[in-house]
Every structure is written in C-alpha cells, then in structure tokens.
Amino acid sequence: MRARLDGLLFYTLLLLAAAALGYLSTRYGTSWDWTYAARASIAPQSIAVLHELKQPLQVTSYVDPGSALRATISGFIARYQRYKPDLTLRFIDPATDPAAIRAAGISVDGELVLRYGDRSLHLTQLSDQSFTDALADLARGGTRLVAFVTGDGERSANGRANADLGSFMAQMAAQGVRALPLNFAQVASVPQNANLVVLASPLAQLAPGAAQALVHWLHDGGNLLWLTDPGSEHLGLAPLAQELGVRALPGEIIDPSGAAAGVRDPRVLVVSHYPPDPITRDFALDTAFPGVVALARTQGNWKYTPLLVSSPQSYTAAAGVGAAPAYAASAGDLRGPLDFGFALTRLSANPLHTEQRVVVIGDGDFLSNTFIGNGGNAALGTRIFDWLLGDDALVRLPPRTAPDCHLDIGQRGLNALTLTLIALPLLLLALASALWLRRRRR
C-alpha cells in the first residue's frame, strides 16, 4: 500500500513539475545563437540604436491574414523585442479599408510603418540593414541637412560617376541624412539650417568669397568635413587651411606595405590600425585610400587628434604616373608614419552645441563610388558623418560575413574531392552487391 502511495505521489509531483515548466515557458523564454559570429541575432550596433530609442516604438504591418509573410515578420520583429520590450507589432488587413490604405501611402503587401513619438517611417524591405537604418533615422530626431559645396569640380553628393559620392550618400539618406548643394556663386553664406558642410576635393580655384564663407561658418561654430587630394593646395583654400591650422605636405604618400594585403599599387594605402579616437574606437575593418596627401599641423586654437596614419614603410614622393618613385631624402621626401587625417575639436560658438567638430582627410576617393565597397570604407565614412553630426551612438550596421562562405581549394584537393565523389558511390554499390549475393546464396 505504501509503495502505491509513493508511486502516486511521485507521478503527482512529476505532473505538477511539468505543468509548472509549461507555465513558466509561456512567461519566460531563452534562446541560444550557435551560428558563426551570431549571424542569426541582431548586431550589437542594432542593439545600441534600440537603446537610444527611449520612447515606445510601434510597428504596423499591412499584410493579408492568410499570407505566410505574417509569421516571417513576427519572427523578425521578435528578435528586436528581446532588447526593447516596449516595441509592439500589430497587423492590419489591407482589404478591410482600401481607401484608408491608399491614404496611408501603403504600396506593397507586408509594408511596415514605424511610429516613434510624432515621427513615422515606411519600410518596404525586410532586412536587418534597412530596419536598423530606419531606427537610426528615428533616433536622430529629424532629418539632418548636409551642405555639399559645388561649382568648383567637387565630388557630387548625388552623382553616379566614379569619383562622385552618390552611393555612399544613398546609404546615409536611409538613415535620415539629406544632401543639399551649396554653390557660393549663388549664395553668400552657408544656410543656417545646415548641420554640416562638406568640401569634397575641388578641382578648380575657389572664389575668395567661397573660402571666406567657409571661414565664417567655422567662426559661427559650424562643423566641417574637408576632403582634399594631392595637388589641391593651390586652389584658393589657404584661408581655410590657416583657420584650421592644417596644411598639406608636398607630393603624395607611397606605401609598399600594401602588397601584403594584395594591393599592387603602392599609391593605395591600406589601413588596419587606427589611433585612439571617438570615431575609430573599436573599429577593426581594413580601409583603402588611393592617392593620399600627407597632412601636418601648423598653429590653431583646436584640439588635434590623429585619425588616419600611414605605415612606417610609407614615405612621401612627388605625385606622378607610372612606377612608384624611390625615397629620396635630398628631394625633401619624408619617412612614415605620416598623418593624413585629423579630427579637430574646440568649444563651439554656437549656443546650441557645446563642441565644434571638424575632420580633415588627405583623400576623397575612399568614399567615392569606385572605392566605397572596399573593406570598411563605408563603415568608416558613416562613423565620420555620425560624429560630425553629433550622433556619436549611431553606428551603421556593418556587413557580417562568415569565412565558411567560400571554399579555397587547390587543384590537388579538387582532384581528391572528385575522386571521392566517384569512389564513394561505387563503394556503396559494391557493398550492396556483395550483400545481395550473400543473401541469395543462403
């Protein structure tokens, strides 16, 4: 009798434990991501952007109730809800009120509308990149206007030519950064609503009024990004260089060490290590800079922080075409490492900002349409823009790739693999035939 009671008590406790576990599983959940580099989870940069959104975030999806897309969207949003509990998702059937759907501007099935505070954004592409870009746009609190100086051969913010910056600025536009042209032949000063001015590698002589307008912009506390290239020191920019206390050194940087990274042209600098700076903190991607001019500090009331530095094997040499010139101390060449990027800060004259920020880089090609896809060029450019716009916490989600996506195999390995693919089926066929004959003889 006692044994039966013990058995009954055991099974009762077992059922109660199972019921308790079932209840707890509905209230609490946990998961593990065993994919390489946690590719099935959202990136740390996305989590940082979510933490910047202090208010509740509502996502509305317009999708047919019978569509499998609902489950896909729910699973996608659930990954973000783990880090932001006040992120809510609701579905609306587009067939319930077609007029209201058209008025809301819904164009595709499954379109998402993100609402944060008094702002809303439409999203038609379901990906970590596009969703995080939308979150970054919302976190900025409004569109940021970047004025690009034009009219003197500068790189176009919207152009598709090799030297233009259209591809990069299209990426920034997804995060709420809008480019506007600034032609000093038409206006006398920088618009007051601009958050940043970009001077990207002019080719022609700037008018005296243009250089003075940029100096006045700095005096008023404005932020500036200046991309310069070899041979551009005589384009009427002396007042700007004097104001910033930065000058370009003669010639361009030659760096033979790029051959170790597979770069044959010594005029293309490959940078893997960065000085400590808020822009490059924890930045571990290689970047490529073609045609670089070295920069030096002169005098100025700024705090200077080196941002980009060439390798110790580098040196300056007269710009030219053809084979890399040899180092010649008698010609005034300088040995590396050489600075070719500076981050400048000082107290801002603008009462709306406490710190004024400027970045000067001796190369404009690294953000061009031709080179933006190289290594971490786009990620570094985004960090620079975010820092200059005062959005220090917003960092673009970098591409995450696993090394197992590609198989590098030589001819000998390929021959062995082919032999295995042929021999293995033949071996299985032989074993099957032997078993069939053995059973038949019985």
Protein backbone atom coordinates (compact mmCIF):
# COMPACT_ATOMS: atom_id res chain seq x y z
CA MET A 1 0.00 0.00 0.00
CA ARG A 2 2.80 2.37 0.93
CA ALA A 3 4.59 1.63 -2.32
CA ARG A 4 1.47 2.53 -4.29
CA LEU A 5 1.13 5.82 -2.35
CA ASP A 6 4.79 6.61 -3.01
CA GLY A 7 4.28 5.94 -6.73
CA LEU A 8 1.12 8.09 -6.78
CA LEU A 9 2.91 10.92 -5.01
CA PHE A 10 5.86 10.68 -7.41
CA TYR A 11 3.67 10.88 -10.52
CA THR A 12 1.63 13.71 -8.97
CA LEU A 13 4.77 15.73 -8.30
CA LEU A 14 6.03 14.92 -11.79
CA LEU A 15 2.82 16.22 -13.35
CA LEU A 16 2.95 19.36 -11.18
CA ALA A 17 6.57 19.98 -12.21
CA ALA A 18 5.68 19.53 -15.89
CA ALA A 19 2.75 21.92 -15.52
CA ALA A 20 4.97 24.46 -13.77
CA LEU A 21 7.59 24.22 -16.51
CA GLY A 22 4.90 24.62 -19.16
CA TYR A 23 3.55 27.71 -17.43
CA LEU A 24 6.99 29.26 -16.99
CA SER A 25 7.80 28.60 -20.66
CA THR A 26 4.84 30.78 -21.65
CA ARG A 27 6.05 33.64 -19.45
CA TYR A 28 9.79 33.48 -19.96
CA GLY A 29 11.88 32.48 -22.94
CA THR A 30 15.51 31.98 -23.76
CA SER A 31 17.44 31.12 -26.87
CA TRP A 32 20.99 30.44 -27.98
CA ASP A 33 22.57 31.50 -31.24
CA TRP A 34 25.19 28.98 -32.34
CA THR A 35 25.72 30.39 -35.82
CA TYR A 36 29.12 31.84 -36.72
CA ALA A 37 29.53 35.37 -35.28
CA ALA A 38 25.90 35.14 -34.05
CA ARG A 39 24.57 35.78 -37.53
CA ALA A 40 21.05 34.74 -36.51
CA SER A 41 20.92 37.54 -33.89
CA ILE A 42 20.77 41.25 -34.36
CA ALA A 43 24.12 43.03 -34.35
CA PRO A 44 25.48 44.95 -31.34
CA GLN A 45 25.14 48.14 -33.40
CA SER A 46 21.42 47.48 -33.77
CA ILE A 47 21.10 46.93 -30.03
CA ALA A 48 22.88 50.24 -29.41
CA VAL A 49 20.41 52.03 -31.68
CA LEU A 50 17.48 50.42 -29.85
CA HIS A 51 18.86 51.70 -26.55
CA GLU A 52 18.86 55.22 -28.00
CA LEU A 53 15.08 55.00 -28.51
CA LYS A 54 13.80 55.93 -25.05
CA GLN A 55 10.12 56.09 -26.03
CA PRO A 56 7.87 53.19 -27.12
CA LEU A 57 8.18 52.09 -30.74
CA GLN A 58 5.16 50.82 -32.67
CA VAL A 59 5.43 48.77 -35.86
CA THR A 60 2.36 48.32 -38.05
CA SER A 61 2.39 45.77 -40.86
CA TYR A 62 -0.14 45.81 -43.69
CA VAL A 63 -0.34 42.19 -44.83
CA ASP A 64 -3.07 39.73 -45.80
CA PRO A 65 -4.14 37.48 -42.87
CA GLY A 66 -3.62 34.31 -44.89
CA SER A 67 -0.13 35.21 -46.01
CA ALA A 68 2.90 33.37 -44.63
CA LEU A 69 4.56 36.77 -44.52
CA ARG A 70 2.90 37.45 -41.17
CA ALA A 71 4.88 34.69 -39.47
CA THR A 72 8.09 35.93 -41.12
CA ILE A 73 7.51 39.49 -39.93
CA SER A 74 6.57 38.34 -36.42
CA GLY A 75 9.78 36.33 -36.11
CA PHE A 76 11.83 39.20 -37.47
CA ILE A 77 10.39 41.77 -35.04
CA ALA A 78 10.61 39.34 -32.11
CA ARG A 79 14.41 39.46 -32.29
CA TYR A 80 14.29 43.21 -31.67
CA GLN A 81 11.61 42.94 -28.98
CA ARG A 82 14.05 40.96 -26.82
CA TYR A 83 16.09 44.15 -26.40
CA LYS A 84 13.20 46.65 -26.44
CA PRO A 85 10.14 45.32 -24.59
CA ASP A 86 8.06 48.41 -25.47
CA LEU A 87 8.36 47.60 -29.19
CA THR A 88 4.88 46.50 -30.29
CA LEU A 89 3.75 44.90 -33.54
CA ARG A 90 0.25 44.87 -34.99
CA PHE A 91 -1.13 43.65 -38.30
CA ILE A 92 -3.77 45.29 -40.47
CA ASP A 93 -5.57 43.56 -43.32
CA PRO A 94 -5.20 45.78 -46.42
CA ALA A 95 -8.59 44.55 -47.71
CA THR A 96 -10.53 45.97 -44.76
CA ASP A 97 -10.34 49.60 -45.84
CA PRO A 98 -8.66 50.12 -49.25
CA ALA A 99 -9.26 53.89 -49.18
CA ALA A 100 -7.51 54.25 -45.83
CA ILE A 101 -4.63 52.10 -47.07
CA ARG A 102 -4.16 54.36 -50.10
CA ALA A 103 -4.36 57.44 -47.88
CA ALA A 104 -1.65 55.97 -45.63
CA GLY A 105 0.60 55.57 -48.66
CA ILE A 106 0.86 51.77 -48.45
CA SER A 107 2.23 50.46 -51.73
CA VAL A 108 3.26 46.81 -51.18
CA ASP A 109 1.95 43.84 -49.25
CA GLY A 110 3.82 43.50 -45.95
CA GLU A 111 4.89 47.15 -45.81
CA LEU A 112 5.92 48.27 -42.33
CA VAL A 113 5.17 51.64 -40.75
CA LEU A 114 7.39 52.55 -37.79
CA ARG A 115 5.99 55.16 -35.39
CA TYR A 116 8.18 56.73 -32.74
CA GLY A 117 6.91 59.80 -30.93
CA ASP A 118 5.48 62.13 -33.55
CA ARG A 119 7.55 60.64 -36.40
CA SER A 120 6.78 57.76 -38.72
CA LEU A 121 8.73 55.92 -41.43
CA HIS A 122 7.68 53.45 -44.12
CA LEU A 123 9.74 50.33 -44.74
CA THR A 124 9.22 48.09 -47.76
CA GLN A 125 12.32 45.90 -47.38
CA LEU A 126 12.58 43.41 -44.52
CA SER A 127 16.24 43.18 -43.57
CA ASP A 128 18.44 43.97 -40.59
CA GLN A 129 20.20 46.67 -42.58
CA SER A 130 17.06 48.53 -43.65
CA PHE A 131 15.35 48.14 -40.27
CA THR A 132 18.39 49.41 -38.36
CA ASP A 133 18.77 52.30 -40.79
CA ALA A 134 15.15 53.24 -40.07
CA LEU A 135 15.79 53.03 -36.33
CA ALA A 136 18.83 55.28 -36.73
CA ASP A 137 16.70 57.76 -38.67
CA LEU A 138 14.15 57.82 -35.85
CA ALA A 139 16.87 58.13 -33.22
CA ARG A 140 18.26 61.24 -34.91
CA GLY A 141 15.03 63.00 -34.12
CA GLY A 142 14.74 64.52 -37.58
CA THR A 143 16.41 64.86 -40.94
CA ARG A 144 19.99 66.13 -40.87
CA LEU A 145 20.97 68.50 -43.66
CA VAL A 146 24.49 68.23 -45.07
CA ALA A 147 25.53 71.05 -47.43
CA PHE A 148 27.96 69.95 -50.16
CA VAL A 149 30.00 72.75 -51.72
CA THR A 150 29.52 72.70 -55.50
CA GLY A 151 30.55 74.70 -58.54
CA ASP A 152 34.31 74.10 -58.45
CA GLY A 153 34.55 70.49 -59.61
CA GLU A 154 33.80 68.97 -56.21
CA ARG A 155 32.58 65.40 -55.89
CA SER A 156 28.82 65.29 -56.33
CA ALA A 157 26.73 64.02 -53.42
CA ASN A 158 24.19 62.53 -55.83
CA GLY A 159 26.38 61.76 -58.84
CA ARG A 160 26.97 58.30 -60.31
CA ALA A 161 30.38 58.98 -61.83
CA ASN A 162 33.33 57.01 -60.46
CA ALA A 163 34.65 59.94 -58.43
CA ASP A 164 31.26 61.01 -57.03
CA LEU A 165 29.80 60.14 -53.63
CA GLY A 166 26.32 59.09 -54.75
CA SER A 167 26.46 55.50 -53.47
CA PHE A 168 27.66 56.50 -50.02
CA MET A 169 25.16 59.33 -49.63
CA ALA A 170 22.35 56.99 -50.70
CA GLN A 171 23.27 54.84 -47.71
CA MET A 172 23.29 57.89 -45.45
CA ALA A 173 19.93 59.02 -46.83
CA ALA A 174 18.42 55.78 -45.49
CA GLN A 175 19.46 56.97 -42.02
CA GLY A 176 17.89 60.40 -42.30
CA VAL A 177 20.80 62.41 -43.73
CA ARG A 178 19.89 64.60 -46.71
CA ALA A 179 22.41 66.27 -49.00
CA LEU A 180 21.81 69.73 -50.43
CA PRO A 181 24.01 71.67 -52.89
CA LEU A 182 25.86 74.78 -51.73
CA ASN A 183 27.09 76.99 -54.56
CA PHE A 184 28.77 80.17 -53.35
CA ALA A 185 28.26 81.74 -56.78
CA GLN A 186 24.56 81.81 -55.89
CA VAL A 187 24.60 82.33 -52.12
CA ALA A 188 26.95 84.34 -49.95
CA SER A 189 26.92 82.13 -46.85
CA VAL A 190 26.08 78.68 -45.53
CA PRO A 191 22.35 78.21 -44.80
CA GLN A 192 21.60 78.38 -41.09
CA ASN A 193 19.63 75.11 -41.16
CA ALA A 194 22.65 73.11 -42.35
CA ASN A 195 24.03 70.68 -39.77
CA LEU A 196 27.29 70.04 -41.61
CA VAL A 197 29.26 71.39 -44.56
CA VAL A 198 31.30 69.07 -46.81
CA LEU A 199 34.07 70.32 -49.09
CA ALA A 200 34.91 67.28 -51.22
CA SER A 201 38.03 67.58 -53.38
CA PRO A 202 37.53 70.73 -55.51
CA LEU A 203 39.30 70.75 -58.86
CA ALA A 204 39.09 74.43 -59.75
CA GLN A 205 40.14 77.60 -57.99
CA LEU A 206 37.63 78.66 -55.35
CA ALA A 207 36.49 82.23 -55.38
CA PRO A 208 37.79 84.33 -52.44
CA GLY A 209 34.22 84.71 -51.23
CA ALA A 210 33.78 80.94 -51.03
CA ALA A 211 36.82 80.43 -48.81
CA GLN A 212 35.77 83.33 -46.58
CA ALA A 213 32.25 81.94 -46.31
CA LEU A 214 33.67 78.65 -45.05
CA VAL A 215 35.84 80.52 -42.53
CA HIS A 216 32.78 82.46 -41.31
CA TRP A 217 30.93 79.15 -40.97
CA LEU A 218 33.71 77.93 -38.69
CA HIS A 219 33.69 81.18 -36.70
CA ASP A 220 29.97 80.68 -36.09
CA GLY A 221 30.58 77.21 -34.65
CA GLY A 222 29.68 75.12 -37.71
CA ASN A 223 31.05 71.62 -38.31
CA LEU A 224 33.03 70.78 -41.44
CA LEU A 225 34.33 67.78 -43.38
CA TRP A 226 37.18 68.66 -45.72
CA LEU A 227 38.35 66.00 -48.19
CA THR A 228 41.47 67.06 -50.04
CA ASP A 229 43.74 65.33 -52.55
CA PRO A 230 47.32 65.68 -53.81
CA GLY A 231 47.84 68.85 -55.83
CA SER A 232 44.87 70.79 -54.42
CA GLU A 233 46.82 73.08 -52.09
CA HIS A 234 46.80 75.93 -54.62
CA LEU A 235 43.04 76.23 -55.14
CA GLY A 236 42.37 79.28 -53.02
CA LEU A 237 41.93 77.34 -49.78
CA ALA A 238 44.77 78.97 -47.87
CA PRO A 239 42.37 80.97 -45.58
CA LEU A 240 40.56 77.75 -44.65
CA ALA A 241 43.81 75.87 -44.01
CA GLN A 242 45.10 78.73 -41.89
CA GLU A 243 41.89 78.83 -39.86
CA LEU A 244 42.15 75.10 -39.17
CA GLY A 245 45.89 75.06 -38.63
CA VAL A 246 46.40 72.21 -41.09
CA ARG A 247 48.47 72.12 -44.27
CA ALA A 248 49.11 69.56 -46.99
CA LEU A 249 52.66 68.29 -47.44
CA PRO A 250 54.19 68.18 -50.95
CA GLY A 251 53.70 65.09 -53.10
CA GLU A 252 51.69 62.06 -52.12
CA ILE A 253 52.15 59.09 -49.82
CA ILE A 254 53.73 55.94 -51.25
CA ASP A 255 53.28 52.76 -49.21
CA PRO A 256 54.78 49.48 -50.50
CA SER A 257 53.42 47.56 -47.48
CA GLY A 258 50.02 47.25 -49.18
CA ALA A 259 51.45 44.36 -51.21
CA ALA A 260 50.98 42.14 -48.14
CA ALA A 261 47.23 42.72 -48.45
CA GLY A 262 47.24 42.00 -52.20
CA VAL A 263 47.33 45.68 -53.25
CA ARG A 264 49.85 46.11 -56.05
CA ASP A 265 49.59 49.88 -56.43
CA PRO A 266 51.76 51.50 -53.72
CA ARG A 267 49.71 54.69 -54.07
CA VAL A 268 46.76 52.86 -52.47
CA LEU A 269 47.14 52.91 -48.70
CA VAL A 270 45.63 50.03 -46.73
CA VAL A 271 44.96 50.99 -43.12
CA SER A 272 44.39 48.29 -40.50
CA HIS A 273 45.30 50.13 -37.28
CA TYR A 274 43.86 53.42 -36.09
CA PRO A 275 44.92 55.88 -33.38
CA PRO A 276 42.62 56.08 -30.34
CA ASP A 277 39.77 58.40 -31.28
CA PRO A 278 36.00 58.53 -30.68
CA ILE A 279 35.45 57.92 -34.41
CA THR A 280 37.65 54.83 -34.71
CA ARG A 281 37.17 53.33 -31.25
CA ASP A 282 36.73 49.53 -31.62
CA PHE A 283 36.90 49.89 -35.40
CA ALA A 284 38.63 46.79 -36.77
CA LEU A 285 37.94 46.87 -40.52
CA ASP A 286 40.60 47.48 -43.16
CA THR A 287 40.16 50.60 -45.27
CA ALA A 288 41.72 51.60 -48.59
CA PHE A 289 42.79 55.14 -49.57
CA PRO A 290 44.01 55.74 -53.17
CA GLY A 291 46.09 58.84 -53.88
CA VAL A 292 46.74 60.29 -50.42
CA VAL A 293 48.34 63.57 -49.41
CA ALA A 294 50.05 63.80 -46.01
CA LEU A 295 48.85 66.45 -43.58
CA ALA A 296 50.70 68.44 -40.94
CA ARG A 297 49.61 70.71 -38.11
CA THR A 298 50.66 74.35 -38.11
CA GLN A 299 49.06 76.56 -35.46
CA GLY A 300 45.48 76.84 -34.37
CA ASN A 301 43.17 77.00 -31.39
CA TRP A 302 41.91 73.47 -31.91
CA LYS A 303 42.49 70.15 -30.20
CA TYR A 304 44.05 67.88 -32.82
CA THR A 305 43.63 64.11 -32.79
CA PRO A 306 45.28 61.97 -35.50
CA LEU A 307 42.57 59.98 -37.24
CA LEU A 308 44.43 58.20 -40.06
CA VAL A 309 48.14 57.33 -40.14
CA SER A 310 50.19 55.57 -42.82
CA SER A 311 52.51 52.65 -42.08
CA PRO A 312 56.18 53.01 -41.05
CA GLN A 313 57.19 51.74 -44.52
CA SER A 314 55.48 54.69 -46.23
CA TYR A 315 57.08 57.89 -47.49
CA THR A 316 56.17 60.99 -49.46
CA ALA A 317 57.19 61.45 -53.08
CA ALA A 318 56.33 63.75 -55.94
CA ALA A 319 52.97 62.85 -57.47
CA GLY A 320 53.24 61.19 -60.85
CA VAL A 321 52.18 58.33 -63.07
CA GLY A 322 53.96 55.01 -63.52
CA ALA A 323 56.19 53.02 -61.22
CA ALA A 324 56.46 54.08 -57.60
CA PRO A 325 59.32 56.55 -57.12
CA ALA A 326 62.06 55.65 -54.68
CA TYR A 327 62.53 57.52 -51.43
CA ALA A 328 64.89 60.48 -51.83
CA ALA A 329 65.73 62.48 -48.72
CA SER A 330 67.61 65.04 -50.85
CA ALA A 331 64.33 65.85 -52.64
CA GLY A 332 62.57 66.53 -49.36
CA ASP A 333 60.77 63.20 -49.08
CA LEU A 334 59.57 62.26 -45.60
CA ARG A 335 59.53 58.85 -43.96
CA GLY A 336 56.38 57.40 -42.41
CA PRO A 337 54.34 57.01 -40.39
CA LEU A 338 52.56 60.09 -41.75
CA ASP A 339 49.28 61.63 -40.66
CA PHE A 340 46.70 62.04 -43.38
CA GLY A 341 43.57 62.52 -41.31
CA PHE A 342 42.79 64.78 -38.34
CA ALA A 343 39.79 65.20 -36.04
CA LEU A 344 39.60 68.75 -34.67
CA THR A 345 37.52 69.92 -31.72
CA ARG A 346 37.05 73.09 -29.71
CA LEU A 347 34.36 74.90 -27.74
CA SER A 348 31.55 75.85 -30.08
CA ALA A 349 30.49 79.43 -30.70
CA ASN A 350 27.02 78.07 -31.45
CA PRO A 351 24.91 78.16 -28.25
CA LEU A 352 23.06 75.02 -29.39
CA HIS A 353 26.25 72.92 -29.28
CA THR A 354 28.99 72.56 -26.70
CA GLU A 355 31.65 71.23 -29.05
CA GLN A 356 32.61 72.18 -32.59
CA ARG A 357 33.93 69.38 -34.78
CA VAL A 358 35.97 69.25 -37.98
CA VAL A 359 37.51 66.34 -39.88
CA VAL A 360 40.24 66.84 -42.50
CA ILE A 361 41.33 63.86 -44.62
CA GLY A 362 44.00 63.85 -47.30
CA ASP A 363 41.96 61.69 -49.66
CA GLY A 364 38.48 61.93 -51.13
CA ASP A 365 38.49 58.77 -53.22
CA PHE A 366 37.86 56.41 -50.31
CA LEU A 367 34.18 57.44 -50.23
CA SER A 368 33.78 57.58 -54.00
CA ASN A 369 31.54 55.23 -55.96
CA THR A 370 34.60 53.30 -57.12
CA PHE A 371 36.08 52.57 -53.69
CA ILE A 372 33.13 52.72 -51.28
CA GLY A 373 32.77 48.93 -51.41
CA ASN A 374 36.38 48.30 -50.35
CA GLY A 375 36.72 46.83 -46.85
CA GLY A 376 35.38 49.16 -44.19
CA ASN A 377 35.36 52.38 -46.25
CA ALA A 378 31.60 52.84 -45.98
CA ALA A 379 31.57 51.98 -42.27
CA LEU A 380 34.36 54.48 -41.56
CA GLY A 381 32.63 57.17 -43.63
CA THR A 382 29.42 56.63 -41.67
CA ARG A 383 31.26 56.93 -38.38
CA ILE A 384 32.81 60.21 -39.52
CA PHE A 385 29.43 61.64 -40.55
CA ASP A 386 27.74 60.46 -37.35
CA TRP A 387 30.46 62.06 -35.24
CA LEU A 388 30.33 65.34 -37.14
CA LEU A 389 26.53 65.39 -36.85
CA GLY A 390 26.73 64.80 -33.11
CA ASP A 391 25.18 61.32 -33.30
CA ASP A 392 28.03 59.54 -31.53
CA ALA A 393 26.00 56.48 -30.54
CA LEU A 394 24.71 55.78 -34.04
CA VAL A 395 26.98 53.47 -35.97
CA ARG A 396 25.97 51.84 -39.28
CA LEU A 397 25.37 48.09 -39.10
CA PRO A 398 28.49 46.59 -40.76
CA PRO A 399 28.22 43.61 -43.07
CA ARG A 400 28.75 40.36 -41.16
CA THR A 401 30.17 37.56 -43.25
CA ALA A 402 31.38 34.13 -42.19
CA PRO A 403 34.66 32.70 -43.51
CA ASP A 404 32.86 29.43 -44.34
CA CYS A 405 31.01 31.10 -47.22
CA HIS A 406 33.92 30.44 -49.60
CA LEU A 407 35.98 27.32 -50.24
CA ASP A 408 39.59 27.83 -51.27
CA ILE A 409 40.94 24.58 -52.71
CA GLY A 410 43.85 23.84 -55.00
CA GLN A 411 44.00 21.52 -57.98
CA ARG A 412 45.30 18.60 -55.90
CA GLY A 413 42.46 18.98 -53.42
CA LEU A 414 39.96 19.33 -56.26
CA ASN A 415 41.23 16.07 -57.80
CA ALA A 416 40.92 14.29 -54.43
CA LEU A 417 37.40 15.64 -53.96
CA THR A 418 36.39 14.49 -57.46
CA LEU A 419 37.85 11.03 -56.83
CA THR A 420 35.95 10.79 -53.57
CA LEU A 421 32.67 11.76 -55.19
CA ILE A 422 33.19 9.00 -57.79
CA ALA A 423 34.66 6.33 -55.50
CA LEU A 424 32.13 6.65 -52.68
CA PRO A 425 29.03 5.74 -54.79
CA LEU A 426 30.97 2.88 -56.39
CA LEU A 427 31.99 1.60 -52.96
CA LEU A 428 28.39 1.72 -51.72
CA LEU A 429 27.24 -0.06 -54.88
CA ALA A 430 29.87 -2.79 -54.36
CA LEU A 431 28.81 -3.29 -50.74
CA ALA A 432 25.17 -3.51 -51.73
CA SER A 433 26.00 -6.08 -54.45
CA ALA A 434 28.04 -8.17 -52.01
CA LEU A 435 25.20 -8.21 -49.50
CA TRP A 436 22.71 -9.15 -52.24
CA LEU A 437 24.88 -12.05 -53.42
CA ARG A 438 25.47 -13.26 -49.86
CA ARG A 439 21.78 -13.35 -49.07
CA ARG A 440 21.00 -15.09 -52.38
CA ARG A 441 23.43 -17.93 -51.62
CA ARG A 442 21.75 -18.69 -48.32
